[in-house]
């Protein structure tokens, strides 16, 4: 009888261990992987919706206006000086404010 009881106890310990592993994997998915994928989708939507004339905030903290868009780069004009135009990757944009948002 003692052998059967110890076998049943070790079997339930194995089930508990499997449940803990499943809970840890689920925790990692919902706390790390899923939010990262949502952020990637948000960034892709923002990059695809950029238009000429939109005001942008770059990752480096500069505000500017988009004056030209190509496949993977944009040209941004900074400040009142019309000669300060810098090409940069679309992924370097942190935030976009639409040009017609104030209308």
PDB file of N, CA and C in Angstrom:
ATOM      1  N   UNK A   1       0.813  -1.192   0.000  1.00  0.00           N
ATOM      2  CA  UNK A   1       0.000   0.000   0.000  1.00  0.00           C
ATOM      3  C   UNK A   1       0.864   1.265   0.000  1.00  0.00           C
ATOM      4  N   UNK A   2       2.015   1.214   0.666  1.00  0.00           N
ATOM      5  CA  UNK A   2       2.891   2.375   0.756  1.00  0.00           C
ATOM      6  C   UNK A   2       3.485   2.742  -0.586  1.00  0.00           C
ATOM      7  N   UNK A   3       3.744   1.741  -1.417  1.00  0.00           N
ATOM      8  CA  UNK A   3       4.333   2.000  -2.727  1.00  0.00           C
ATOM      9  C   UNK A   3       3.321   2.717  -3.627  1.00  0.00           C
ATOM     10  N   UNK A   4       2.062   2.315  -3.579  1.00  0.00           N
ATOM     11  CA  UNK A   4       1.032   2.962  -4.383  1.00  0.00           C
ATOM     12  C   UNK A   4       0.803   4.407  -3.951  1.00  0.00           C
ATOM     13  N   UNK A   5       0.849   4.679  -2.651  1.00  0.00           N
ATOM     14  CA  UNK A   5       0.640   6.039  -2.149  1.00  0.00           C
ATOM     15  C   UNK A   5       1.778   6.962  -2.584  1.00  0.00           C
ATOM     16  N   UNK A   6       3.006   6.446  -2.530  1.00  0.00           N
ATOM     17  CA  UNK A   6       4.133   7.288  -2.938  1.00  0.00           C
ATOM     18  C   UNK A   6       4.125   7.514  -4.451  1.00  0.00           C
ATOM     19  N   UNK A   7       3.679   6.541  -5.220  1.00  0.00           N
ATOM     20  CA  UNK A   7       3.584   6.704  -6.670  1.00  0.00           C
ATOM     21  C   UNK A   7       2.509   7.731  -7.015  1.00  0.00           C
ATOM     22  N   UNK A   8       1.392   7.716  -6.309  1.00  0.00           N
ATOM     23  CA  UNK A   8       0.326   8.682  -6.546  1.00  0.00           C
ATOM     24  C   UNK A   8       0.781  10.091  -6.156  1.00  0.00           C
ATOM     25  N   UNK A   9       1.539  10.206  -5.087  1.00  0.00           N
ATOM     26  CA  UNK A   9       2.031  11.516  -4.652  1.00  0.00           C
ATOM     27  C   UNK A   9       3.033  12.090  -5.656  1.00  0.00           C
ATOM     28  N   UNK A  10       3.917  11.250  -6.179  1.00  0.00           N
ATOM     29  CA  UNK A  10       4.884  11.753  -7.147  1.00  0.00           C
ATOM     30  C   UNK A  10       4.201  12.087  -8.472  1.00  0.00           C
ATOM     31  N   UNK A  11       3.143  11.393  -8.820  1.00  0.00           N
ATOM     32  CA  UNK A  11       2.388  11.695 -10.034  1.00  0.00           C
ATOM     33  C   UNK A  11       1.685  13.027  -9.930  1.00  0.00           C
ATOM     34  N   UNK A  12       1.111  13.338  -8.765  1.00  0.00           N
ATOM     35  CA  UNK A  12       0.440  14.624  -8.598  1.00  0.00           C
ATOM     36  C   UNK A  12       1.459  15.765  -8.536  1.00  0.00           C
ATOM     37  N   UNK A  13       2.647  15.483  -8.052  1.00  0.00           N
ATOM     38  CA  UNK A  13       3.697  16.506  -8.044  1.00  0.00           C
ATOM     39  C   UNK A  13       4.111  16.835  -9.479  1.00  0.00           C
ATOM     40  N   UNK A  14       4.132  15.839 -10.338  1.00  0.00           N
ATOM     41  CA  UNK A  14       4.453  16.075 -11.747  1.00  0.00           C
ATOM     42  C   UNK A  14       3.392  16.926 -12.424  1.00  0.00           C
ATOM     43  N   UNK A  15       2.134  16.701 -12.091  1.00  0.00           N
ATOM     44  CA  UNK A  15       1.039  17.487 -12.661  1.00  0.00           C
ATOM     45  C   UNK A  15       1.140  18.938 -12.190  1.00  0.00           C
ATOM     46  N   UNK A  16       1.452  19.120 -10.910  1.00  0.00           N
ATOM     47  CA  UNK A  16       1.602  20.473 -10.367  1.00  0.00           C
ATOM     48  C   UNK A  16       2.746  21.193 -11.077  1.00  0.00           C
ATOM     49  N   UNK A  17       3.833  20.482 -11.332  1.00  0.00           N
ATOM     50  CA  UNK A  17       4.980  21.079 -12.015  1.00  0.00           C
ATOM     51  C   UNK A  17       4.604  21.507 -13.437  1.00  0.00           C
ATOM     52  N   UNK A  18       3.850  20.689 -14.139  1.00  0.00           N
ATOM     53  CA  UNK A  18       3.407  21.021 -15.492  1.00  0.00           C
ATOM     54  C   UNK A  18       2.494  22.242 -15.461  1.00  0.00           C
ATOM     55  N   UNK A  19       1.603  22.320 -14.480  1.00  0.00           N
ATOM     56  CA  UNK A  19       0.708  23.470 -14.355  1.00  0.00           C
ATOM     57  C   UNK A  19       1.519  24.740 -14.113  1.00  0.00           C
ATOM     58  N   UNK A  20       2.540  24.666 -13.250  1.00  0.00           N
ATOM     59  CA  UNK A  20       3.392  25.837 -13.000  1.00  0.00           C
ATOM     60  C   UNK A  20       4.116  26.282 -14.267  1.00  0.00           C
ATOM     61  N   UNK A  21       4.621  25.357 -15.032  1.00  0.00           N
ATOM     62  CA  UNK A  21       5.326  25.698 -16.269  1.00  0.00           C
ATOM     63  C   UNK A  21       4.373  26.365 -17.254  1.00  0.00           C
ATOM     64  N   UNK A  22       3.169  25.847 -17.384  1.00  0.00           N
ATOM     65  CA  UNK A  22       2.176  26.441 -18.280  1.00  0.00           C
ATOM     66  C   UNK A  22       1.815  27.851 -17.810  1.00  0.00           C
ATOM     67  N   UNK A  23       1.669  28.050 -16.503  1.00  0.00           N
ATOM     68  CA  UNK A  23       1.356  29.379 -15.974  1.00  0.00           C
ATOM     69  C   UNK A  23       2.494  30.369 -16.229  1.00  0.00           C
ATOM     70  N   UNK A  24       3.725  29.924 -16.095  1.00  0.00           N
ATOM     71  CA  UNK A  24       4.873  30.803 -16.348  1.00  0.00           C
ATOM     72  C   UNK A  24       4.932  31.195 -17.823  1.00  0.00           C
ATOM     73  N   UNK A  25       4.720  30.249 -18.708  1.00  0.00           N
ATOM     74  CA  UNK A  25       4.727  30.541 -20.146  1.00  0.00           C
ATOM     75  C   UNK A  25       3.592  31.508 -20.499  1.00  0.00           C
ATOM     76  N   UNK A  26       2.415  31.305 -19.931  1.00  0.00           N
ATOM     77  CA  UNK A  26       1.291  32.211 -20.183  1.00  0.00           C
ATOM     78  C   UNK A  26       1.597  33.611 -19.651  1.00  0.00           C
ATOM     79  N   UNK A  27       2.220  33.691 -18.496  1.00  0.00           N
ATOM     80  CA  UNK A  27       2.595  34.988 -17.923  1.00  0.00           C
ATOM     81  C   UNK A  27       3.581  35.723 -18.828  1.00  0.00           C
ATOM     82  N   UNK A  28       4.569  35.021 -19.301  1.00  0.00           N
ATOM     83  CA  UNK A  28       5.559  35.629 -20.199  1.00  0.00           C
ATOM     84  C   UNK A  28       4.890  36.110 -21.478  1.00  0.00           C
ATOM     85  N   UNK A  29       3.987  35.318 -22.030  1.00  0.00           N
ATOM     86  CA  UNK A  29       3.306  35.710 -23.264  1.00  0.00           C
ATOM     87  C   UNK A  29       2.505  36.993 -23.056  1.00  0.00           C
ATOM     88  N   UNK A  30       1.675  37.035 -22.003  1.00  0.00           N
ATOM     89  CA  UNK A  30       0.782  38.174 -21.813  1.00  0.00           C
ATOM     90  C   UNK A  30       1.494  39.416 -21.294  1.00  0.00           C
ATOM     91  N   UNK A  31       2.638  39.272 -20.647  1.00  0.00           N
ATOM     92  CA  UNK A  31       3.335  40.429 -20.108  1.00  0.00           C
ATOM     93  C   UNK A  31       4.467  40.939 -21.001  1.00  0.00           C
ATOM     94  N   UNK A  32       4.980  40.114 -21.907  1.00  0.00           N
ATOM     95  CA  UNK A  32       6.123  40.534 -22.702  1.00  0.00           C
ATOM     96  C   UNK A  32       5.871  40.455 -24.209  1.00  0.00           C
ATOM     97  N   UNK A  33       5.469  39.338 -24.704  1.00  0.00           N
ATOM     98  CA  UNK A  33       5.374  39.122 -26.149  1.00  0.00           C
ATOM     99  C   UNK A  33       4.171  39.850 -26.741  1.00  0.00           C
ATOM    100  N   UNK A  34       3.014  39.704 -26.152  1.00  0.00           N
ATOM    101  CA  UNK A  34       1.793  40.309 -26.695  1.00  0.00           C
ATOM    102  C   UNK A  34       1.867  41.840 -26.738  1.00  0.00           C
ATOM    103  N   UNK A  35       2.289  42.524 -25.668  1.00  0.00           N
ATOM    104  CA  UNK A  35       2.400  43.985 -25.754  1.00  0.00           C
ATOM    105  C   UNK A  35       3.406  44.446 -26.808  1.00  0.00           C
ATOM    106  N   UNK A  36       4.484  43.700 -26.986  1.00  0.00           N
ATOM    107  CA  UNK A  36       5.472  44.068 -27.989  1.00  0.00           C
ATOM    108  C   UNK A  36       4.878  43.965 -29.395  1.00  0.00           C
ATOM    109  N   UNK A  37       4.100  42.931 -29.653  1.00  0.00           N
ATOM    110  CA  UNK A  37       3.463  42.783 -30.964  1.00  0.00           C
ATOM    111  C   UNK A  37       2.436  43.887 -31.195  1.00  0.00           C
ATOM    112  N   UNK A  38       1.696  44.280 -30.163  1.00  0.00           N
ATOM    113  CA  UNK A  38       0.727  45.363 -30.306  1.00  0.00           C
ATOM    114  C   UNK A  38       1.439  46.674 -30.626  1.00  0.00           C
ATOM    115  N   UNK A  39       2.577  46.916 -29.978  1.00  0.00           N
ATOM    116  CA  UNK A  39       3.346  48.133 -30.244  1.00  0.00           C
ATOM    117  C   UNK A  39       3.897  48.133 -31.670  1.00  0.00           C
ATOM    118  N   UNK A  40       4.349  46.975 -32.148  1.00  0.00           N
ATOM    119  CA  UNK A  40       4.841  46.884 -33.524  1.00  0.00           C
ATOM    120  C   UNK A  40       3.734  47.175 -34.524  1.00  0.00           C
ATOM    121  N   UNK A  41       2.526  46.685 -34.271  1.00  0.00           N
ATOM    122  CA  UNK A  41       1.393  46.960 -35.154  1.00  0.00           C
ATOM    123  C   UNK A  41       1.038  48.441 -35.135  1.00  0.00           C
ATOM    124  N   UNK A  42       1.086  49.072 -33.955  1.00  0.00           N
ATOM    125  CA  UNK A  42       0.792  50.495 -33.840  1.00  0.00           C
ATOM    126  C   UNK A  42       1.816  51.326 -34.607  1.00  0.00           C
ATOM    127  N   UNK A  43       3.088  50.972 -34.483  1.00  0.00           N
ATOM    128  CA  UNK A  43       4.144  51.699 -35.194  1.00  0.00           C
ATOM    129  C   UNK A  43       4.004  51.527 -36.709  1.00  0.00           C
ATOM    130  N   UNK A  44       3.679  50.311 -37.152  1.00  0.00           N
ATOM    131  CA  UNK A  44       3.506  50.070 -38.591  1.00  0.00           C
ATOM    132  C   UNK A  44       2.334  50.878 -39.139  1.00  0.00           C
ATOM    133  N   UNK A  45       1.257  50.979 -38.385  1.00  0.00           N
ATOM    134  CA  UNK A  45       0.103  51.766 -38.821  1.00  0.00           C
ATOM    135  C   UNK A  45       0.454  53.247 -38.864  1.00  0.00           C
ATOM    136  N   UNK A  46       1.224  53.720 -37.886  1.00  0.00           N
ATOM    137  CA  UNK A  46       1.614  55.125 -37.858  1.00  0.00           C
ATOM    138  C   UNK A  46       2.525  55.456 -39.040  1.00  0.00           C
ATOM    139  N   UNK A  47       3.488  54.583 -39.321  1.00  0.00           N
ATOM    140  CA  UNK A  47       4.421  54.814 -40.427  1.00  0.00           C
ATOM    141  C   UNK A  47       3.685  54.815 -41.762  1.00  0.00           C
ATOM    142  N   UNK A  48       2.737  53.923 -41.924  1.00  0.00           N
ATOM    143  CA  UNK A  48       2.022  53.844 -43.202  1.00  0.00           C
ATOM    144  C   UNK A  48       1.035  55.002 -43.396  1.00  0.00           C
ATOM    145  N   UNK A  49       0.641  55.659 -42.313  1.00  0.00           N
ATOM    146  CA  UNK A  49      -0.331  56.751 -42.443  1.00  0.00           C
ATOM    147  C   UNK A  49       0.332  58.120 -42.558  1.00  0.00           C
ATOM    148  N   UNK A  50       1.660  58.192 -42.569  1.00  0.00           N
ATOM    149  CA  UNK A  50       2.342  59.483 -42.681  1.00  0.00           C
ATOM    150  C   UNK A  50       2.110  60.101 -44.052  1.00  0.00           C
ATOM    151  N   UNK A  51       1.877  61.419 -44.064  1.00  0.00           N
ATOM    152  CA  UNK A  51       1.654  62.154 -45.303  1.00  0.00           C
ATOM    153  C   UNK A  51       2.483  63.430 -45.291  1.00  0.00           C
ATOM    154  N   UNK A  52       2.689  63.984 -46.465  1.00  0.00           N
ATOM    155  CA  UNK A  52       3.413  65.253 -46.569  1.00  0.00           C
ATOM    156  C   UNK A  52       2.616  66.332 -45.849  1.00  0.00           C
ATOM    157  N   UNK A  53       3.315  67.108 -45.037  1.00  0.00           N
ATOM    158  CA  UNK A  53       2.673  68.179 -44.279  1.00  0.00           C
ATOM    159  C   UNK A  53       2.393  67.807 -42.836  1.00  0.00           C
ATOM    160  N   UNK A  54       2.495  66.542 -42.481  1.00  0.00           N
ATOM    161  CA  UNK A  54       2.264  66.121 -41.104  1.00  0.00           C
ATOM    162  C   UNK A  54       3.396  66.599 -40.210  1.00  0.00           C
ATOM    163  N   UNK A  55       3.061  66.940 -38.990  1.00  0.00           N
ATOM    164  CA  UNK A  55       4.054  67.319 -37.992  1.00  0.00           C
ATOM    165  C   UNK A  55       4.501  66.048 -37.279  1.00  0.00           C
ATOM    166  N   UNK A  56       5.821  65.894 -37.112  1.00  0.00           N
ATOM    167  CA  UNK A  56       6.356  64.680 -36.499  1.00  0.00           C
ATOM    168  C   UNK A  56       7.270  65.020 -35.335  1.00  0.00           C
ATOM    169  N   UNK A  57       7.349  64.101 -34.400  1.00  0.00           N
ATOM    170  CA  UNK A  57       8.315  64.137 -33.307  1.00  0.00           C
ATOM    171  C   UNK A  57       9.243  62.966 -33.525  1.00  0.00           C
ATOM    172  N   UNK A  58      10.539  63.230 -33.636  1.00  0.00           N
ATOM    173  CA  UNK A  58      11.503  62.159 -33.890  1.00  0.00           C
ATOM    174  C   UNK A  58      11.906  61.498 -32.576  1.00  0.00           C
ATOM    175  N   UNK A  59      12.545  60.337 -32.675  1.00  0.00           N
ATOM    176  CA  UNK A  59      13.026  59.641 -31.480  1.00  0.00           C
ATOM    177  C   UNK A  59      14.066  60.454 -30.729  1.00  0.00           C
ATOM    178  N   UNK A  60      14.745  61.359 -31.410  1.00  0.00           N
ATOM    179  CA  UNK A  60      15.756  62.190 -30.759  1.00  0.00           C
ATOM    180  C   UNK A  60      15.154  63.442 -30.121  1.00  0.00           C
ATOM    181  N   UNK A  61      13.855  63.664 -30.286  1.00  0.00           N
ATOM    182  CA  UNK A  61      13.182  64.763 -29.614  1.00  0.00           C
ATOM    183  C   UNK A  61      12.985  66.014 -30.448  1.00  0.00           C
ATOM    184  N   UNK A  62      13.240  65.958 -31.742  1.00  0.00           N
ATOM    185  CA  UNK A  62      13.071  67.114 -32.610  1.00  0.00           C
ATOM    186  C   UNK A  62      11.681  67.104 -33.243  1.00  0.00           C
ATOM    187  N   UNK A  63      11.073  68.297 -33.315  1.00  0.00           N
ATOM    188  CA  UNK A  63       9.801  68.456 -34.007  1.00  0.00           C
ATOM    189  C   UNK A  63      10.066  68.976 -35.410  1.00  0.00           C
ATOM    190  N   UNK A  64       9.323  68.470 -36.384  1.00  0.00           N
ATOM    191  CA  UNK A  64       9.505  68.924 -37.752  1.00  0.00           C
ATOM    192  C   UNK A  64       8.275  68.637 -38.595  1.00  0.00           C
ATOM    193  N   UNK A  65       8.351  69.043 -39.853  1.00  0.00           N
ATOM    194  CA  UNK A  65       7.268  68.855 -40.817  1.00  0.00           C
ATOM    195  C   UNK A  65       7.784  67.972 -41.947  1.00  0.00           C
ATOM    196  N   UNK A  66       6.998  66.983 -42.341  1.00  0.00           N
ATOM    197  CA  UNK A  66       7.381  66.106 -43.448  1.00  0.00           C
ATOM    198  C   UNK A  66       7.202  66.871 -44.754  1.00  0.00           C
ATOM    199  N   UNK A  67       8.273  66.903 -45.567  1.00  0.00           N
ATOM    200  CA  UNK A  67       8.156  67.590 -46.861  1.00  0.00           C
ATOM    201  C   UNK A  67       8.293  66.633 -48.035  1.00  0.00           C
ATOM    202  N   UNK A  68       8.783  65.409 -47.802  1.00  0.00           N
ATOM    203  CA  UNK A  68       8.886  64.422 -48.879  1.00  0.00           C
ATOM    204  C   UNK A  68       8.908  63.026 -48.269  1.00  0.00           C
ATOM    205  N   UNK A  69       8.313  62.073 -48.979  1.00  0.00           N
ATOM    206  CA  UNK A  69       8.263  60.684 -48.511  1.00  0.00           C
ATOM    207  C   UNK A  69       8.683  59.777 -49.649  1.00  0.00           C
ATOM    208  N   UNK A  70       9.593  58.850 -49.352  1.00  0.00           N
ATOM    209  CA  UNK A  70       9.951  57.795 -50.298  1.00  0.00           C
ATOM    210  C   UNK A  70       9.626  56.458 -49.640  1.00  0.00           C
ATOM    211  N   UNK A  71      10.134  55.362 -50.186  1.00  0.00           N
ATOM    212  CA  UNK A  71       9.782  54.035 -49.685  1.00  0.00           C
ATOM    213  C   UNK A  71      10.046  53.872 -48.188  1.00  0.00           C
ATOM    214  N   UNK A  72      11.289  54.082 -47.778  1.00  0.00           N
ATOM    215  CA  UNK A  72      11.618  53.861 -46.370  1.00  0.00           C
ATOM    216  C   UNK A  72      12.227  55.086 -45.697  1.00  0.00           C
ATOM    217  N   UNK A  73      12.275  56.215 -46.392  1.00  0.00           N
ATOM    218  CA  UNK A  73      12.812  57.438 -45.796  1.00  0.00           C
ATOM    219  C   UNK A  73      11.838  58.592 -45.959  1.00  0.00           C
ATOM    220  N   UNK A  74      12.025  59.580 -45.113  1.00  0.00           N
ATOM    221  CA  UNK A  74      11.260  60.822 -45.208  1.00  0.00           C
ATOM    222  C   UNK A  74      12.251  61.978 -45.104  1.00  0.00           C
ATOM    223  N   UNK A  75      11.878  63.131 -45.631  1.00  0.00           N
ATOM    224  CA  UNK A  75      12.677  64.340 -45.459  1.00  0.00           C
ATOM    225  C   UNK A  75      11.862  65.258 -44.566  1.00  0.00           C
ATOM    226  N   UNK A  76      12.487  65.646 -43.451  1.00  0.00           N
ATOM    227  CA  UNK A  76      11.811  66.452 -42.446  1.00  0.00           C
ATOM    228  C   UNK A  76      12.461  67.830 -42.395  1.00  0.00           C
ATOM    229  N   UNK A  77      11.625  68.861 -42.353  1.00  0.00           N
ATOM    230  CA  UNK A  77      12.092  70.238 -42.250  1.00  0.00           C
ATOM    231  C   UNK A  77      11.931  70.684 -40.798  1.00  0.00           C
ATOM    232  N   UNK A  78      13.027  71.163 -40.225  1.00  0.00           N
ATOM    233  CA  UNK A  78      13.023  71.550 -38.810  1.00  0.00           C
ATOM    234  C   UNK A  78      13.070  73.062 -38.663  1.00  0.00           C
ATOM    235  N   UNK A  79      12.256  73.611 -37.773  1.00  0.00           N
ATOM    236  CA  UNK A  79      12.278  75.026 -37.452  1.00  0.00           C
ATOM    237  C   UNK A  79      11.786  75.913 -38.580  1.00  0.00           C
ATOM    238  N   UNK A  80      12.055  77.194 -38.449  1.00  0.00           N
ATOM    239  CA  UNK A  80      11.627  78.171 -39.445  1.00  0.00           C
ATOM    240  C   UNK A  80      12.609  78.284 -40.600  1.00  0.00           C
ATOM    241  N   UNK A  81      13.799  77.752 -40.424  1.00  0.00           N
ATOM    242  CA  UNK A  81      14.822  77.821 -41.459  1.00  0.00           C
ATOM    243  C   UNK A  81      14.500  76.809 -42.546  1.00  0.00           C
ATOM    244  N   UNK A  82      14.192  77.276 -43.735  1.00  0.00           N
ATOM    245  CA  UNK A  82      13.803  76.384 -44.830  1.00  0.00           C
ATOM    246  C   UNK A  82      14.986  75.572 -45.355  1.00  0.00           C
ATOM    247  N   UNK A  83      16.212  75.891 -44.931  1.00  0.00           N
ATOM    248  CA  UNK A  83      17.384  75.153 -45.382  1.00  0.00           C
ATOM    249  C   UNK A  83      17.710  73.969 -44.485  1.00  0.00           C
ATOM    250  N   UNK A  84      16.999  73.798 -43.400  1.00  0.00           N
ATOM    251  CA  UNK A  84      17.276  72.704 -42.469  1.00  0.00           C
ATOM    252  C   UNK A  84      16.347  71.531 -42.785  1.00  0.00           C
ATOM    253  N   UNK A  85      16.718  70.759 -43.771  1.00  0.00           N
ATOM    254  CA  UNK A  85      15.941  69.595 -44.205  1.00  0.00           C
ATOM    255  C   UNK A  85      16.817  68.362 -44.053  1.00  0.00           C
ATOM    256  N   UNK A  86      16.332  67.394 -43.299  1.00  0.00           N
ATOM    257  CA  UNK A  86      17.137  66.222 -42.981  1.00  0.00           C
ATOM    258  C   UNK A  86      16.402  64.962 -43.411  1.00  0.00           C
ATOM    259  N   UNK A  87      17.051  64.125 -44.230  1.00  0.00           N
ATOM    260  CA  UNK A  87      16.441  62.820 -44.548  1.00  0.00           C
ATOM    261  C   UNK A  87      16.639  61.862 -43.379  1.00  0.00           C
ATOM    262  N   UNK A  88      15.632  61.069 -43.094  1.00  0.00           N
ATOM    263  CA  UNK A  88      15.724  60.078 -42.019  1.00  0.00           C
ATOM    264  C   UNK A  88      14.812  58.897 -42.316  1.00  0.00           C
ATOM    265  N   UNK A  89      15.058  57.809 -41.619  1.00  0.00           N
ATOM    266  CA  UNK A  89      14.222  56.627 -41.792  1.00  0.00           C
ATOM    267  C   UNK A  89      12.853  56.868 -41.180  1.00  0.00           C
ATOM    268  N   UNK A  90      11.854  56.223 -41.749  1.00  0.00           N
ATOM    269  CA  UNK A  90      10.500  56.361 -41.219  1.00  0.00           C
ATOM    270  C   UNK A  90      10.406  55.839 -39.791  1.00  0.00           C
ATOM    271  N   UNK A  91      11.217  54.837 -39.470  1.00  0.00           N
ATOM    272  CA  UNK A  91      11.166  54.247 -38.134  1.00  0.00           C
ATOM    273  C   UNK A  91      11.749  55.163 -37.066  1.00  0.00           C
ATOM    274  N   UNK A  92      12.393  56.280 -37.459  1.00  0.00           N
ATOM    275  CA  UNK A  92      12.947  57.221 -36.495  1.00  0.00           C
ATOM    276  C   UNK A  92      11.887  58.187 -35.980  1.00  0.00           C
ATOM    277  N   UNK A  93      10.659  58.040 -36.420  1.00  0.00           N
ATOM    278  CA  UNK A  93       9.570  58.912 -35.982  1.00  0.00           C
ATOM    279  C   UNK A  93       8.870  58.275 -34.798  1.00  0.00           C
ATOM    280  N   UNK A  94       8.700  59.056 -33.729  1.00  0.00           N
ATOM    281  CA  UNK A  94       8.053  58.552 -32.520  1.00  0.00           C
ATOM    282  C   UNK A  94       6.564  58.890 -32.477  1.00  0.00           C
ATOM    283  N   UNK A  95       6.197  60.024 -33.094  1.00  0.00           N
ATOM    284  CA  UNK A  95       4.810  60.473 -33.018  1.00  0.00           C
ATOM    285  C   UNK A  95       4.471  61.290 -34.251  1.00  0.00           C
ATOM    286  N   UNK A  96       3.231  61.164 -34.733  1.00  0.00           N
ATOM    287  CA  UNK A  96       2.785  61.913 -35.908  1.00  0.00           C
ATOM    288  C   UNK A  96       1.512  62.662 -35.542  1.00  0.00           C
ATOM    289  N   UNK A  97       1.483  63.935 -35.915  1.00  0.00           N
ATOM    290  CA  UNK A  97       0.270  64.741 -35.754  1.00  0.00           C
ATOM    291  C   UNK A  97      -0.169  65.160 -37.151  1.00  0.00           C
ATOM    292  N   UNK A  98      -1.367  64.808 -37.512  1.00  0.00           N
ATOM    293  CA  UNK A  98      -1.869  65.069 -38.863  1.00  0.00           C
ATOM    294  C   UNK A  98      -1.967  66.564 -39.126  1.00  0.00           C
ATOM    295  N   UNK A  99      -1.722  66.940 -40.368  1.00  0.00           N
ATOM    296  CA  UNK A  99      -1.734  68.355 -40.761  1.00  0.00           C
ATOM    297  C   UNK A  99      -3.131  68.934 -40.670  1.00  0.00           C
ATOM    298  N   UNK A 100      -4.161  68.160 -40.967  1.00  0.00           N
ATOM    299  CA  UNK A 100      -5.531  68.672 -40.964  1.00  0.00           C
ATOM    300  C   UNK A 100      -6.236  68.429 -39.628  1.00  0.00           C
ATOM    301  N   UNK A 101      -5.516  68.094 -38.571  1.00  0.00           N
ATOM    302  CA  UNK A 101      -6.133  67.827 -37.276  1.00  0.00           C
ATOM    303  C   UNK A 101      -6.692  69.101 -36.643  1.00  0.00           C
ATOM    304  N   UNK A 102      -6.086  70.246 -36.942  1.00  0.00           N
ATOM    305  CA  UNK A 102      -6.548  71.510 -36.366  1.00  0.00           C
ATOM    306  C   UNK A 102      -7.729  72.122 -37.087  1.00  0.00           C
ATOM    307  N   UNK A 103      -8.090  71.601 -38.235  1.00  0.00           N
ATOM    308  CA  UNK A 103      -9.182  72.163 -39.029  1.00  0.00           C
ATOM    309  C   UNK A 103     -10.526  71.727 -38.540  1.00  0.00           C
TER     310      UNK A 103
END
